């Protein structure tokens, strides 16, 4: 199972600061994890996560969440990554 430690962060391409990592899983799902001045919890060093479909698009209709999840610690990101991999 992939965890927070497997994520590779890069500067956010929007140019507004922050970092982003995208990861794909064998089951066709993926996740986008971001942290920055305009993300939920970013100013506190926390992360937000969105579930991605096989095309890399955000989706809101999984058992994991119906929205972006914010204010996440590294451990909470790992928990959600594991749940996505189990879909």
Protein backbone atom coordinates (compact mmCIF):
# COMPACT_ATOMS: atom_id res chain seq x y z
CA UNK A 1 0.00 0.00 0.00
CA UNK A 2 1.16 3.49 -0.86
CA UNK A 3 1.39 5.98 2.01
CA UNK A 4 2.25 9.64 2.54
CA UNK A 5 5.94 8.70 2.42
CA UNK A 6 5.53 7.54 -1.20
CA UNK A 7 4.32 10.96 -2.38
CA UNK A 8 6.64 13.14 -4.43
CA UNK A 9 5.78 16.81 -4.04
CA UNK A 10 6.52 19.47 -6.63
CA UNK A 11 5.89 23.22 -6.64
CA UNK A 12 2.24 23.93 -7.42
CA UNK A 13 1.96 24.89 -11.12
CA UNK A 14 -0.50 27.71 -10.45
CA UNK A 15 2.32 30.01 -9.40
CA UNK A 16 0.58 30.98 -6.16
CA UNK A 17 2.88 28.95 -3.96
CA UNK A 18 2.47 25.61 -2.31
CA UNK A 19 3.18 22.04 -3.30
CA UNK A 20 1.25 19.28 -5.04
CA UNK A 21 1.55 15.54 -5.52
CA UNK A 22 -0.58 13.29 -7.71
CA UNK A 23 -0.56 9.54 -7.37
CA UNK A 24 -2.32 6.80 -9.36
CA UNK A 25 -3.26 3.38 -8.07
CA UNK A 26 -3.66 0.01 -9.78
CA UNK A 27 -7.44 0.12 -9.26
CA UNK A 28 -7.78 3.14 -11.58
CA UNK A 29 -8.28 5.70 -8.86
CA UNK A 30 -5.81 8.28 -7.74
CA UNK A 31 -5.36 11.23 -5.43
CA UNK A 32 -4.23 14.82 -5.59
CA UNK A 33 -2.63 16.12 -2.41
CA UNK A 34 -1.87 19.82 -2.04
CA UNK A 35 -0.59 22.21 0.58
CA UNK A 36 -0.29 25.94 0.20
CA UNK A 37 -1.51 29.35 1.24
CA UNK A 38 -4.90 28.87 -0.44
CA UNK A 39 -5.64 25.25 0.55
CA UNK A 40 -7.76 23.95 3.41
CA UNK A 41 -5.27 23.85 6.30
CA UNK A 42 -2.24 24.85 4.26
CA UNK A 43 -1.41 27.82 6.45
CA UNK A 44 -1.18 25.40 9.39
CA UNK A 45 1.08 22.94 7.53
CA UNK A 46 -1.83 20.60 6.80
CA UNK A 47 -2.90 19.05 3.50
CA UNK A 48 -5.99 18.68 1.37
CA UNK A 49 -6.80 15.63 -0.72
CA UNK A 50 -9.10 15.00 -3.67
CA UNK A 51 -9.95 11.64 -5.22
CA UNK A 52 -9.16 11.29 -8.93
CA UNK A 53 -10.66 9.02 -11.58
CA UNK A 54 -8.66 7.08 -14.18
CA UNK A 55 -8.45 10.22 -16.36
CA UNK A 56 -6.95 12.24 -13.54
CA UNK A 57 -10.12 14.28 -13.01
CA UNK A 58 -11.47 15.12 -9.56
CA UNK A 59 -14.50 13.05 -8.64
CA UNK A 60 -16.99 13.55 -5.86
CA UNK A 61 -19.00 10.32 -5.86
CA UNK A 62 -16.86 7.76 -4.04
CA UNK A 63 -17.41 6.19 -0.63
CA UNK A 64 -14.27 8.09 0.45
CA UNK A 65 -15.65 11.61 0.10
CA UNK A 66 -18.13 13.75 -1.76
CA UNK A 67 -15.80 16.77 -1.71
CA UNK A 68 -12.19 17.77 -1.18
CA UNK A 69 -10.95 16.71 2.26
CA UNK A 70 -8.94 19.40 4.03
CA UNK A 71 -7.04 20.04 7.25
CA UNK A 72 -5.33 16.63 7.03
CA UNK A 73 -2.21 15.52 8.86
CA UNK A 74 0.29 13.22 7.14
CA UNK A 75 -1.26 10.26 8.99
CA UNK A 76 -4.76 11.24 7.85
CA UNK A 77 -3.53 11.52 4.25
CA UNK A 78 -2.12 8.00 4.55
CA UNK A 79 -5.45 6.70 5.90
CA UNK A 80 -7.31 8.17 2.93
CA UNK A 81 -4.73 6.90 0.43
CA UNK A 82 -5.20 3.37 1.79
CA UNK A 83 -8.99 3.66 1.56
CA UNK A 84 -8.74 4.84 -2.05
CA UNK A 85 -6.51 1.89 -2.90
CA UNK A 86 -9.11 -0.47 -1.40
CA UNK A 87 -11.96 0.80 -3.62
